[in-house]
Amino acid sequence: MKWLSVLLKWKSVPSLDNITEIKIKPPISEAKQPHVPVATTPPVKPPETPIIKRDIRWRGGALADRLAMYEMVNRVCAELAPELTKDIQATIAGESGWNQWCINEKSKDYGIAQFSAYYYLKEYKMTPDYACEHPEECIRIMVKNFKNGRASNWVAYQHRHKYFNTKPV
């Protein structure tokens, strides 16, 4: 203890003579905890969008679906232009064979009304998917264009006589 008083005097620190005992605590170190693995869950992947395969051929798809398109066209034509029903039916039969998913990859025509990517899709601000997924809207647009004298825009219109009175088969 004498050495401490000498040291403190040398450093001009007040004396610690009245302190009888100095307790020096060892430096505090973090107590080592045993390694416990943390349960982690694997990252959650968002569900993948299912790939739906559609029959894009002319007269493709299920007969029930094509018959439903036939009935929808009759209903829309009866509402908007009964006098054009026969021409519109024949044109659709020639263009898509009543298949709402019909795609002509060569000419880039889409849907039941075979809207051209270069003309009708741009004019009506549609995507190819939209044209296929909304056949009634496409038929309404087709009827409007037939009424406005644009029926010849559809190639099958010139050959519609081959498709008069043909229901989906």
Foldseek 3Di string as FASTA:
>chain_A
DVVVQVVCVVVVHDGPVVDDDDDDDDDDDDDDDPDDDDDDDPDDDDDDDDDDDFDQAALDDDLVQLLVLLVLLCVLCVVQPVPCSQLLQLLLCVPRVSQQQHADPVQGFAGSNRHGPVPPCVVVVHDRVRSSVCVNVVSNVQSVCVVVVNVVVRVSSVVSVVRGPDGRD
